[in-house]
Amino acid sequence: MYRLLYSEYQKIKWLFILMIILLEGVLTWILAAGNTKSLSYYFPYNWTTLYFQAVSFHGMFFLPLFTGVFAALLCFYEHKDGGWKQLLTMPYPRFKVLLSKLLALITLIALMQVLYLAEYLITGNIIDAEGMIPWKCILQGIIGGWLACFPLAMLQIWLATRFQSFGVALLLCISSVIPNIVLTGLPASLGAWFPFSAPYYAMFPQG
């Protein structure tokens, strides 16, 4: 199992992954900071509002989208030249092969959430957000969003094994995120059944 997991980490293009995560963070926090300032007449100009605005972009779109993107990238080599057949004929149980990919995927999602927290603190200080940082709410949301991605991550890894094309798996992921605009407007008892909307509900501030 260790060798499988090590090989997955070796195949990850860490520089590319870090660049797209940082790019997502810059876009998310520019939009969140802009909304926090423009809506200050209606909402308190504080750390909670900043987080609330960011979740509307990060939790609703980017977090589930990047879960699918990361899964597709992890399976990129297997999508080339019959790679899945070669991998699954190795002397390793099938579930260990898939588990190693799943563990690598949730590691990348954890990295994304950690950078999300760092960018939140940086953005709040740049725009001089008022009040105290609601650490309990923030940490619950970030960890909850990460855990809510687990079922989605398993689904994405399974779907990646079903297609022979990297592009098809990625296109399916993108098309599945778009309905979040409607589904996240439903009561949580309905919308949360859709795996791509679960991270948003988990990260959304309660109360």
Protein backbone atom coordinates (compact mmCIF):
# COMPACT_ATOMS: atom_id res chain seq x y z
CA MET A 1 0.00 0.00 0.00
CA TYR A 2 2.85 2.37 0.85
CA ARG A 3 4.41 1.85 -2.59
CA LEU A 4 1.12 2.58 -4.35
CA LEU A 5 0.58 5.74 -2.34
CA TYR A 6 4.17 6.85 -2.87
CA SER A 7 3.83 6.36 -6.62
CA GLU A 8 0.67 8.48 -6.65
CA TYR A 9 2.42 11.33 -4.86
CA GLN A 10 5.33 11.04 -7.30
CA LYS A 11 2.99 11.41 -10.28
CA ILE A 12 1.38 14.60 -8.96
CA LYS A 13 2.52 17.75 -10.74
CA TRP A 14 2.88 19.70 -7.51
CA LEU A 15 3.90 23.01 -9.08
CA PHE A 16 0.93 23.00 -11.45
CA ILE A 17 -1.46 22.00 -8.64
CA LEU A 18 -0.14 24.79 -6.40
CA MET A 19 -0.45 27.36 -9.18
CA ILE A 20 -4.08 26.59 -9.99
CA ILE A 21 -5.00 26.53 -6.28
CA LEU A 22 -3.37 29.93 -5.76
CA LEU A 23 -5.08 31.28 -8.88
CA GLU A 24 -8.43 30.07 -7.56
CA GLY A 25 -7.66 31.71 -4.22
CA VAL A 26 -6.80 35.04 -5.78
CA LEU A 27 -10.03 35.04 -7.82
CA THR A 28 -12.17 33.93 -4.87
CA TRP A 29 -10.82 36.47 -2.42
CA ILE A 30 -10.89 39.38 -4.87
CA LEU A 31 -14.58 38.68 -5.45
CA ALA A 32 -15.24 38.12 -1.74
CA ALA A 33 -13.44 41.31 -0.71
CA GLY A 34 -15.28 43.30 -3.37
CA ASN A 35 -18.66 41.97 -2.24
CA THR A 36 -17.83 42.58 1.42
CA LYS A 37 -17.11 46.25 0.69
CA SER A 38 -20.00 46.83 -1.72
CA LEU A 39 -22.53 45.19 0.62
CA SER A 40 -21.28 46.84 3.81
CA TYR A 41 -24.54 48.82 4.00
CA TYR A 42 -26.48 45.57 4.41
CA PHE A 43 -23.97 43.29 6.18
CA PRO A 44 -21.40 44.03 8.90
CA TYR A 45 -17.99 44.80 7.49
CA ASN A 46 -16.26 42.05 9.45
CA TRP A 47 -14.44 38.70 9.21
CA THR A 48 -17.66 36.67 9.24
CA THR A 49 -19.09 38.52 6.24
CA LEU A 50 -15.83 38.07 4.36
CA TYR A 51 -15.93 34.33 4.99
CA PHE A 52 -19.60 34.16 4.06
CA GLN A 53 -18.94 35.86 0.72
CA ALA A 54 -15.98 33.59 -0.06
CA VAL A 55 -17.96 30.41 0.62
CA SER A 56 -20.42 31.47 -2.06
CA PHE A 57 -17.64 31.05 -4.61
CA HIS A 58 -15.27 28.51 -3.06
CA GLY A 59 -17.77 26.07 -1.56
CA MET A 60 -20.35 26.30 -4.30
CA PHE A 61 -18.08 26.09 -7.35
CA PHE A 62 -14.35 25.78 -6.90
CA LEU A 63 -14.09 23.15 -4.17
CA PRO A 64 -16.31 20.53 -5.89
CA LEU A 65 -14.88 21.51 -9.29
CA PHE A 66 -11.27 21.09 -8.18
CA THR A 67 -12.12 17.75 -6.56
CA GLY A 68 -13.03 16.51 -10.02
CA VAL A 69 -10.06 18.23 -11.66
CA PHE A 70 -7.64 16.68 -9.17
CA ALA A 71 -9.22 13.25 -9.66
CA ALA A 72 -8.86 13.57 -13.43
CA LEU A 73 -5.22 14.63 -13.06
CA LEU A 74 -4.46 11.72 -10.73
CA CYS A 75 -5.84 9.34 -13.35
CA PHE A 76 -4.25 11.14 -16.31
CA TYR A 77 -1.57 8.52 -16.91
CA GLU A 78 -4.08 5.67 -16.60
CA HIS A 79 -6.21 7.31 -19.32
CA LYS A 80 -3.30 7.08 -21.76
CA ASP A 81 -2.57 3.98 -23.85
CA GLY A 82 -4.59 1.52 -21.79
CA GLY A 83 -2.99 2.52 -18.52
CA TRP A 84 -5.86 1.23 -16.41
CA LYS A 85 -5.46 -2.29 -17.76
CA GLN A 86 -1.74 -2.24 -17.04
CA LEU A 87 -2.25 -0.86 -13.54
CA LEU A 88 -4.98 -3.30 -12.56
CA THR A 89 -2.96 -6.30 -13.75
CA MET A 90 -0.25 -5.50 -11.21
CA PRO A 91 -0.03 -7.78 -8.14
CA TYR A 92 -2.07 -5.40 -5.97
CA PRO A 93 -5.73 -5.74 -4.97
CA ARG A 94 -8.00 -3.44 -6.94
CA PHE A 95 -9.31 -1.75 -3.80
CA LYS A 96 -5.76 -0.80 -2.74
CA VAL A 97 -5.10 0.80 -6.11
CA LEU A 98 -8.26 2.89 -5.85
CA LEU A 99 -7.67 3.63 -2.15
CA SER A 100 -4.21 5.02 -2.90
CA LYS A 101 -5.71 7.38 -5.47
CA LEU A 102 -8.45 8.39 -3.03
CA LEU A 103 -5.91 9.18 -0.29
CA ALA A 104 -3.85 11.23 -2.71
CA LEU A 105 -6.98 13.10 -3.78
CA ILE A 106 -8.11 14.00 -0.26
CA THR A 107 -4.56 15.15 0.48
CA LEU A 108 -4.80 17.64 -2.40
CA ILE A 109 -8.21 18.80 -1.14
CA ALA A 110 -6.73 19.28 2.35
CA LEU A 111 -3.93 21.40 0.82
CA MET A 112 -6.54 23.50 -0.94
CA GLN A 113 -8.43 24.08 2.31
CA VAL A 114 -5.27 25.03 4.23
CA LEU A 115 -4.36 27.59 1.57
CA TYR A 116 -7.96 28.84 1.66
CA LEU A 117 -7.55 29.56 5.38
CA ALA A 118 -4.22 31.33 4.81
CA GLU A 119 -5.70 33.49 2.03
CA TYR A 120 -8.67 34.33 4.26
CA LEU A 121 -6.37 35.71 6.95
CA ILE A 122 -4.29 37.64 4.41
CA THR A 123 -7.35 39.15 2.68
CA GLY A 124 -9.00 40.12 5.96
CA ASN A 125 -5.91 42.02 7.03
CA ILE A 126 -5.56 43.72 3.64
CA ILE A 127 -9.12 45.08 3.68
CA ASP A 128 -9.01 45.79 7.45
CA ALA A 129 -12.00 43.61 8.33
CA GLU A 130 -13.54 44.63 11.63
CA GLY A 131 -14.14 42.57 14.76
CA MET A 132 -12.64 39.28 15.85
CA ILE A 133 -11.93 36.28 13.66
CA PRO A 134 -14.66 33.67 14.31
CA TRP A 135 -12.19 30.80 14.62
CA LYS A 136 -14.72 28.17 15.66
CA CYS A 137 -17.00 28.91 12.71
CA ILE A 138 -14.11 29.13 10.25
CA LEU A 139 -12.37 25.92 11.32
CA GLN A 140 -15.65 24.00 11.45
CA GLY A 141 -16.43 25.18 7.92
CA ILE A 142 -13.01 24.40 6.48
CA ILE A 143 -12.75 20.95 8.09
CA GLY A 144 -16.41 20.24 7.36
CA GLY A 145 -15.95 21.19 3.70
CA TRP A 146 -12.97 18.85 3.48
CA LEU A 147 -14.89 15.95 5.02
CA ALA A 148 -17.91 16.66 2.80
CA CYS A 149 -15.66 16.13 -0.23
CA PHE A 150 -14.94 12.51 0.73
CA PRO A 151 -18.06 11.00 -0.92
CA LEU A 152 -17.53 13.26 -3.91
CA ALA A 153 -13.87 12.20 -4.10
CA MET A 154 -14.85 8.52 -4.07
CA LEU A 155 -17.41 9.17 -6.79
CA GLN A 156 -14.87 11.03 -8.92
CA ILE A 157 -12.26 8.27 -8.61
CA TRP A 158 -14.85 5.67 -9.56
CA LEU A 159 -16.01 7.74 -12.53
CA ALA A 160 -12.42 8.21 -13.66
CA THR A 161 -12.08 4.42 -13.95
CA ARG A 162 -15.19 4.24 -16.12
CA PHE A 163 -13.91 6.47 -18.90
CA GLN A 164 -10.99 5.98 -21.25
CA SER A 165 -10.71 9.71 -21.88
CA PHE A 166 -9.31 12.36 -19.55
CA GLY A 167 -11.49 14.98 -21.25
CA VAL A 168 -14.75 13.10 -20.70
CA ALA A 169 -14.12 12.73 -16.97
CA LEU A 170 -13.26 16.43 -16.69
CA LEU A 171 -16.26 17.54 -18.75
CA LEU A 172 -18.59 15.47 -16.57
CA CYS A 173 -17.21 17.16 -13.47
CA ILE A 174 -17.65 20.67 -14.88
CA SER A 175 -21.20 19.99 -16.06
CA SER A 176 -22.12 18.58 -12.64
CA VAL A 177 -21.00 21.72 -10.78
CA ILE A 178 -23.18 24.10 -12.80
CA PRO A 179 -26.49 22.87 -11.23
CA ASN A 180 -25.16 24.00 -7.83
CA ILE A 181 -26.53 27.47 -8.63
CA VAL A 182 -30.04 26.02 -8.32
CA LEU A 183 -29.47 23.14 -5.90
CA THR A 184 -27.80 25.22 -3.19
CA GLY A 185 -30.86 27.46 -3.16
CA LEU A 186 -32.98 24.52 -2.04
CA PRO A 187 -33.42 23.51 1.61
CA ALA A 188 -30.41 21.53 2.84
CA SER A 189 -32.62 18.46 3.35
CA LEU A 190 -32.99 18.34 -0.44
CA GLY A 191 -29.93 19.99 -1.93
CA ALA A 192 -27.37 18.16 0.23
CA TRP A 193 -28.28 14.84 -1.41
CA PHE A 194 -26.48 16.05 -4.52
CA PRO A 195 -22.80 15.21 -3.86
CA PHE A 196 -21.46 18.32 -5.61
CA SER A 197 -23.40 20.67 -3.30
CA ALA A 198 -22.42 18.99 0.00
CA PRO A 199 -19.16 20.98 0.44
CA TYR A 200 -21.10 24.24 0.18
CA TYR A 201 -23.57 23.24 2.88
CA ALA A 202 -20.76 22.04 5.13
CA MET A 203 -18.80 25.28 4.79
CA PHE A 204 -21.74 27.66 5.01
CA PRO A 205 -21.89 29.49 8.39
CA GLN A 206 -24.66 28.19 10.62
CA GLY A 207 -27.04 30.31 12.67
